[in-house]
């Protein structure tokens, strides 16, 4: 894979999203900021676009996520489902304790693979 281009869209989205790692079978995308109703659609758009380009694994580095609302949970579930439908894998990396609790309270902790802290 030569490169993964992130779409430039959604002007209201105040969320940092960048490709921070790449290997022959995986791409790591770092997400920074609050994932809420103002930018959830932007995150969805970007992650689904990257899923089309990755051969096997999309790792989402969540160490910089400062808020994860219900819209963010919906986006992650949708991306996980899309990854499975395309014989790919979505992995959440370095999820902070509070966001991990939010995922668990929603009953979604068994759905995702977690790596790191």
N, C-alpha and C. Protein backbone atom coordinates (compact mmCIF):
# COMPACT_ATOMS: atom_id res chain seq x y z
N UNK A 1 0.85 -1.16 0.00
CA UNK A 1 0.00 0.00 0.00
C UNK A 1 0.90 1.23 0.00
N UNK A 2 0.65 2.13 -0.93
CA UNK A 2 1.48 3.31 -1.06
C UNK A 2 1.15 4.38 -0.04
N UNK A 3 -0.11 4.77 0.03
CA UNK A 3 -0.48 5.80 1.00
C UNK A 3 -1.96 5.71 1.32
N UNK A 4 -2.30 6.35 2.40
CA UNK A 4 -3.69 6.47 2.79
C UNK A 4 -3.94 7.96 2.94
N UNK A 5 -4.87 8.49 2.15
CA UNK A 5 -5.21 9.90 2.23
C UNK A 5 -6.48 10.07 3.07
N UNK A 6 -6.41 10.97 4.02
CA UNK A 6 -7.58 11.26 4.83
C UNK A 6 -8.38 12.35 4.14
N UNK A 7 -9.69 12.19 4.08
CA UNK A 7 -10.50 13.20 3.41
C UNK A 7 -10.52 14.51 4.20
N UNK A 8 -10.50 15.62 3.49
CA UNK A 8 -10.62 16.92 4.12
C UNK A 8 -12.07 17.35 4.01
N UNK A 9 -12.84 17.20 5.06
CA UNK A 9 -14.26 17.51 4.99
C UNK A 9 -14.75 17.99 6.34
N UNK A 10 -16.01 18.20 6.42
CA UNK A 10 -16.70 18.47 7.68
C UNK A 10 -16.08 19.64 8.45
N UNK A 11 -16.30 20.86 7.98
CA UNK A 11 -15.62 22.01 8.58
C UNK A 11 -15.91 22.23 10.07
N UNK A 12 -17.02 21.70 10.58
CA UNK A 12 -17.32 21.88 12.01
C UNK A 12 -16.53 20.91 12.89
N UNK A 13 -15.92 19.93 12.30
CA UNK A 13 -15.25 18.90 13.08
C UNK A 13 -13.97 19.43 13.71
N UNK A 14 -13.99 19.58 15.01
CA UNK A 14 -12.78 19.98 15.72
C UNK A 14 -12.20 18.75 16.39
N UNK A 15 -11.71 17.88 15.55
CA UNK A 15 -11.19 16.60 15.99
C UNK A 15 -9.94 16.33 15.20
N UNK A 16 -8.86 16.02 15.87
CA UNK A 16 -7.63 15.70 15.17
C UNK A 16 -7.62 14.23 14.78
N UNK A 17 -7.42 13.98 13.49
CA UNK A 17 -7.34 12.61 13.00
C UNK A 17 -6.16 12.56 12.04
N UNK A 18 -5.21 11.65 12.30
CA UNK A 18 -4.03 11.56 11.45
C UNK A 18 -3.53 10.13 11.37
N UNK A 19 -3.02 9.76 10.20
CA UNK A 19 -2.35 8.47 10.06
C UNK A 19 -1.00 8.59 10.74
N UNK A 20 -0.74 7.73 11.73
CA UNK A 20 0.50 7.80 12.49
C UNK A 20 1.35 6.55 12.34
N UNK A 21 0.83 5.54 11.67
CA UNK A 21 1.59 4.32 11.48
C UNK A 21 1.05 3.52 10.32
N UNK A 22 1.96 2.79 9.70
CA UNK A 22 1.58 2.02 8.52
C UNK A 22 2.53 0.83 8.39
N UNK A 23 1.96 -0.32 8.11
CA UNK A 23 2.76 -1.51 7.81
C UNK A 23 2.12 -2.20 6.61
N UNK A 24 2.64 -3.35 6.27
CA UNK A 24 2.10 -4.06 5.10
C UNK A 24 0.66 -4.52 5.30
N UNK A 25 0.24 -4.70 6.56
CA UNK A 25 -1.13 -5.19 6.79
C UNK A 25 -1.97 -4.30 7.69
N UNK A 26 -1.42 -3.19 8.19
CA UNK A 26 -2.18 -2.37 9.13
C UNK A 26 -1.90 -0.88 8.94
N UNK A 27 -2.89 -0.10 9.32
CA UNK A 27 -2.77 1.36 9.37
C UNK A 27 -3.23 1.78 10.75
N UNK A 28 -2.47 2.70 11.37
CA UNK A 28 -2.86 3.26 12.66
C UNK A 28 -3.25 4.71 12.46
N UNK A 29 -4.45 5.03 12.95
CA UNK A 29 -4.98 6.38 12.88
C UNK A 29 -5.14 6.88 14.31
N UNK A 30 -4.54 8.04 14.61
CA UNK A 30 -4.68 8.65 15.93
C UNK A 30 -5.83 9.64 15.93
N UNK A 31 -6.64 9.56 16.96
CA UNK A 31 -7.78 10.46 17.13
C UNK A 31 -7.51 11.31 18.37
N UNK A 32 -7.67 12.64 18.23
CA UNK A 32 -7.40 13.56 19.33
C UNK A 32 -8.59 14.51 19.51
N UNK A 33 -9.06 14.61 20.74
CA UNK A 33 -10.15 15.54 21.04
C UNK A 33 -11.40 14.82 21.49
N UNK A 34 -12.50 15.56 21.46
CA UNK A 34 -13.79 15.04 21.89
C UNK A 34 -14.55 14.45 20.71
N UNK A 35 -15.05 13.23 20.88
CA UNK A 35 -15.89 12.60 19.86
C UNK A 35 -17.34 12.78 20.31
N UNK A 36 -18.03 13.69 19.63
CA UNK A 36 -19.39 14.00 20.03
C UNK A 36 -20.26 14.21 18.80
N UNK A 37 -21.47 14.75 19.00
CA UNK A 37 -22.40 14.87 17.88
C UNK A 37 -21.96 15.90 16.84
N UNK A 38 -21.07 16.80 17.20
CA UNK A 38 -20.59 17.79 16.24
C UNK A 38 -19.57 17.22 15.26
N UNK A 39 -18.87 16.17 15.66
CA UNK A 39 -17.81 15.67 14.78
C UNK A 39 -17.85 14.15 14.56
N UNK A 40 -18.84 13.49 15.11
CA UNK A 40 -18.93 12.04 14.94
C UNK A 40 -19.04 11.62 13.49
N UNK A 41 -19.78 12.39 12.71
CA UNK A 41 -19.94 12.06 11.29
C UNK A 41 -18.61 12.19 10.55
N UNK A 42 -17.82 13.17 10.94
CA UNK A 42 -16.49 13.33 10.33
C UNK A 42 -15.61 12.11 10.65
N UNK A 43 -15.63 11.69 11.91
CA UNK A 43 -14.85 10.51 12.29
C UNK A 43 -15.32 9.29 11.51
N UNK A 44 -16.61 9.12 11.41
CA UNK A 44 -17.18 7.99 10.65
C UNK A 44 -16.69 8.03 9.20
N UNK A 45 -16.78 9.18 8.59
CA UNK A 45 -16.37 9.35 7.20
C UNK A 45 -14.89 8.97 7.01
N UNK A 46 -14.05 9.46 7.89
CA UNK A 46 -12.61 9.20 7.79
C UNK A 46 -12.31 7.72 8.03
N UNK A 47 -12.84 7.14 9.11
CA UNK A 47 -12.52 5.75 9.42
C UNK A 47 -13.03 4.79 8.34
N UNK A 48 -14.22 5.04 7.82
CA UNK A 48 -14.73 4.17 6.75
C UNK A 48 -13.88 4.32 5.50
N UNK A 49 -13.39 5.51 5.22
CA UNK A 49 -12.48 5.71 4.09
C UNK A 49 -11.18 4.96 4.26
N UNK A 50 -10.62 5.00 5.45
CA UNK A 50 -9.37 4.29 5.72
C UNK A 50 -9.60 2.78 5.65
N UNK A 51 -10.75 2.33 6.16
CA UNK A 51 -11.05 0.89 6.09
C UNK A 51 -11.02 0.36 4.66
N UNK A 52 -11.41 1.18 3.71
CA UNK A 52 -11.38 0.78 2.30
C UNK A 52 -9.95 0.57 1.82
N UNK A 53 -9.00 1.26 2.43
CA UNK A 53 -7.61 1.23 1.97
C UNK A 53 -6.72 0.23 2.71
N UNK A 54 -7.11 -0.17 3.92
CA UNK A 54 -6.24 -1.06 4.69
C UNK A 54 -6.43 -2.50 4.24
N UNK A 55 -5.33 -3.25 4.16
CA UNK A 55 -5.46 -4.64 3.75
C UNK A 55 -6.06 -5.55 4.83
N UNK A 56 -5.73 -5.31 6.10
CA UNK A 56 -6.22 -6.21 7.14
C UNK A 56 -6.71 -5.53 8.40
N UNK A 57 -5.92 -4.62 8.96
CA UNK A 57 -6.21 -4.09 10.31
C UNK A 57 -6.19 -2.57 10.31
N UNK A 58 -7.23 -1.99 10.91
CA UNK A 58 -7.26 -0.56 11.20
C UNK A 58 -7.15 -0.41 12.70
N UNK A 59 -6.06 0.18 13.15
CA UNK A 59 -5.85 0.46 14.57
C UNK A 59 -6.22 1.91 14.81
N UNK A 60 -7.08 2.15 15.79
CA UNK A 60 -7.48 3.50 16.14
C UNK A 60 -6.85 3.83 17.49
N UNK A 61 -5.84 4.70 17.46
CA UNK A 61 -5.16 5.15 18.67
C UNK A 61 -6.06 6.18 19.35
N UNK A 62 -6.59 5.81 20.51
CA UNK A 62 -7.56 6.66 21.21
C UNK A 62 -6.94 7.35 22.42
N UNK A 63 -5.61 7.35 22.51
CA UNK A 63 -4.96 7.93 23.69
C UNK A 63 -5.23 9.42 23.83
N UNK A 64 -5.56 10.10 22.75
CA UNK A 64 -5.83 11.53 22.81
C UNK A 64 -7.30 11.89 22.85
N UNK A 65 -8.17 10.89 22.97
CA UNK A 65 -9.61 11.15 23.04
C UNK A 65 -9.95 11.63 24.45
N UNK A 66 -10.57 12.80 24.53
CA UNK A 66 -10.88 13.38 25.83
C UNK A 66 -12.35 13.25 26.20
N UNK A 67 -13.19 12.85 25.24
CA UNK A 67 -14.61 12.61 25.51
C UNK A 67 -15.13 11.65 24.47
N UNK A 68 -15.90 10.67 24.91
CA UNK A 68 -16.50 9.70 24.00
C UNK A 68 -17.99 9.63 24.31
N UNK A 69 -18.79 10.27 23.46
CA UNK A 69 -20.23 10.28 23.65
C UNK A 69 -20.91 9.15 22.92
N UNK A 70 -22.22 9.12 22.99
CA UNK A 70 -22.98 8.05 22.36
C UNK A 70 -22.78 8.03 20.84
N UNK A 71 -22.62 9.20 20.24
CA UNK A 71 -22.38 9.26 18.80
C UNK A 71 -21.05 8.57 18.48
N UNK A 72 -20.04 8.81 19.29
CA UNK A 72 -18.75 8.15 19.09
C UNK A 72 -18.85 6.65 19.21
N UNK A 73 -19.63 6.18 20.18
CA UNK A 73 -19.84 4.74 20.33
C UNK A 73 -20.51 4.16 19.09
N UNK A 74 -21.53 4.87 18.58
CA UNK A 74 -22.22 4.40 17.37
C UNK A 74 -21.27 4.32 16.19
N UNK A 75 -20.42 5.32 16.05
CA UNK A 75 -19.45 5.33 14.95
C UNK A 75 -18.49 4.15 15.08
N UNK A 76 -17.98 3.91 16.26
CA UNK A 76 -17.05 2.80 16.45
C UNK A 76 -17.71 1.45 16.16
N UNK A 77 -18.96 1.29 16.60
CA UNK A 77 -19.67 0.04 16.31
C UNK A 77 -19.89 -0.11 14.82
N UNK A 78 -20.30 0.95 14.15
CA UNK A 78 -20.51 0.88 12.70
C UNK A 78 -19.22 0.54 11.97
N UNK A 79 -18.12 1.15 12.38
CA UNK A 79 -16.84 0.86 11.73
C UNK A 79 -16.38 -0.56 12.01
N UNK A 80 -16.64 -1.04 13.22
CA UNK A 80 -16.31 -2.43 13.55
C UNK A 80 -17.10 -3.39 12.66
N UNK A 81 -18.39 -3.13 12.50
CA UNK A 81 -19.25 -3.97 11.67
C UNK A 81 -18.80 -3.93 10.21
N UNK A 82 -18.49 -2.75 9.72
CA UNK A 82 -18.02 -2.60 8.34
C UNK A 82 -16.70 -3.34 8.15
N UNK A 83 -15.81 -3.24 9.12
CA UNK A 83 -14.53 -3.96 9.04
C UNK A 83 -14.77 -5.46 8.92
N UNK A 84 -15.65 -5.99 9.77
CA UNK A 84 -15.95 -7.42 9.71
C UNK A 84 -16.55 -7.81 8.37
N UNK A 85 -17.45 -6.99 7.85
CA UNK A 85 -18.08 -7.27 6.56
C UNK A 85 -17.07 -7.32 5.43
N UNK A 86 -15.96 -6.62 5.60
CA UNK A 86 -14.92 -6.56 4.56
C UNK A 86 -13.71 -7.44 4.91
N UNK A 87 -13.91 -8.35 5.86
CA UNK A 87 -12.85 -9.27 6.29
C UNK A 87 -11.62 -8.52 6.79
N UNK A 88 -11.89 -7.44 7.51
CA UNK A 88 -10.83 -6.65 8.13
C UNK A 88 -11.10 -6.58 9.62
N UNK A 89 -10.17 -5.96 10.34
CA UNK A 89 -10.30 -5.89 11.79
C UNK A 89 -10.12 -4.45 12.25
N UNK A 90 -10.94 -4.03 13.19
CA UNK A 90 -10.81 -2.73 13.84
C UNK A 90 -10.31 -2.98 15.26
N UNK A 91 -9.20 -2.34 15.60
CA UNK A 91 -8.59 -2.49 16.92
C UNK A 91 -8.53 -1.12 17.58
N UNK A 92 -8.92 -1.03 18.84
CA UNK A 92 -8.81 0.20 19.59
C UNK A 92 -7.55 0.15 20.44
N UNK A 93 -6.69 1.13 20.27
CA UNK A 93 -5.41 1.16 20.99
C UNK A 93 -5.40 2.28 22.03
N UNK A 94 -4.77 1.99 23.15
CA UNK A 94 -4.52 2.99 24.19
C UNK A 94 -5.76 3.79 24.57
N UNK A 95 -6.85 3.08 24.82
CA UNK A 95 -8.09 3.72 25.25
C UNK A 95 -7.93 4.13 26.71
N UNK A 96 -8.17 5.39 26.98
CA UNK A 96 -8.02 5.89 28.35
C UNK A 96 -9.08 5.26 29.25
N UNK A 97 -8.82 5.27 30.56
CA UNK A 97 -9.69 4.57 31.51
C UNK A 97 -11.15 5.03 31.44
N UNK A 98 -11.38 6.34 31.37
CA UNK A 98 -12.75 6.83 31.37
C UNK A 98 -13.50 6.37 30.13
N UNK A 99 -12.88 6.48 28.96
CA UNK A 99 -13.53 6.05 27.72
C UNK A 99 -13.75 4.55 27.73
N UNK A 100 -12.82 3.82 28.31
CA UNK A 100 -12.98 2.36 28.42
C UNK A 100 -14.20 2.02 29.28
N UNK A 101 -14.42 2.80 30.34
CA UNK A 101 -15.59 2.60 31.19
C UNK A 101 -16.88 2.90 30.44
N UNK A 102 -16.86 3.95 29.62
CA UNK A 102 -18.03 4.29 28.82
C UNK A 102 -18.37 3.14 27.88
N UNK A 103 -17.35 2.58 27.24
CA UNK A 103 -17.55 1.44 26.33
C UNK A 103 -18.12 0.25 27.10
N UNK A 104 -17.59 0.00 28.29
CA UNK A 104 -18.07 -1.12 29.11
C UNK A 104 -19.50 -0.90 29.59
N UNK A 105 -19.83 0.33 30.01
CA UNK A 105 -21.19 0.62 30.48
C UNK A 105 -22.22 0.45 29.37
N UNK A 106 -21.78 0.65 28.13
CA UNK A 106 -22.68 0.45 26.99
C UNK A 106 -22.76 -1.02 26.59
N UNK A 107 -22.00 -1.87 27.28
CA UNK A 107 -22.02 -3.30 26.98
C UNK A 107 -21.28 -3.66 25.71
N UNK A 108 -20.31 -2.81 25.32
CA UNK A 108 -19.61 -3.01 24.06
C UNK A 108 -18.17 -3.47 24.23
N UNK A 109 -17.72 -3.68 25.46
CA UNK A 109 -16.32 -4.03 25.67
C UNK A 109 -15.95 -5.39 25.09
N UNK A 110 -16.90 -6.29 24.95
CA UNK A 110 -16.62 -7.60 24.35
C UNK A 110 -16.59 -7.52 22.82
N UNK A 111 -17.13 -6.47 22.27
CA UNK A 111 -17.18 -6.31 20.82
C UNK A 111 -15.82 -5.97 20.24
N UNK A 112 -15.08 -5.13 20.94
CA UNK A 112 -13.82 -4.61 20.41
C UNK A 112 -12.60 -5.36 20.92
N UNK A 113 -11.56 -5.33 20.10
CA UNK A 113 -10.25 -5.77 20.57
C UNK A 113 -9.52 -4.53 21.03
N UNK A 114 -8.95 -4.61 22.23
CA UNK A 114 -8.20 -3.50 22.81
C UNK A 114 -6.74 -3.86 22.86
N UNK A 115 -5.88 -2.89 22.58
CA UNK A 115 -4.44 -3.05 22.71
C UNK A 115 -3.90 -1.86 23.50
N UNK A 116 -2.84 -2.10 24.22
CA UNK A 116 -2.24 -1.03 25.01
C UNK A 116 -2.96 -0.84 26.33
N UNK A 117 -2.80 0.34 26.91
CA UNK A 117 -3.36 0.59 28.24
C UNK A 117 -4.80 0.44 28.21
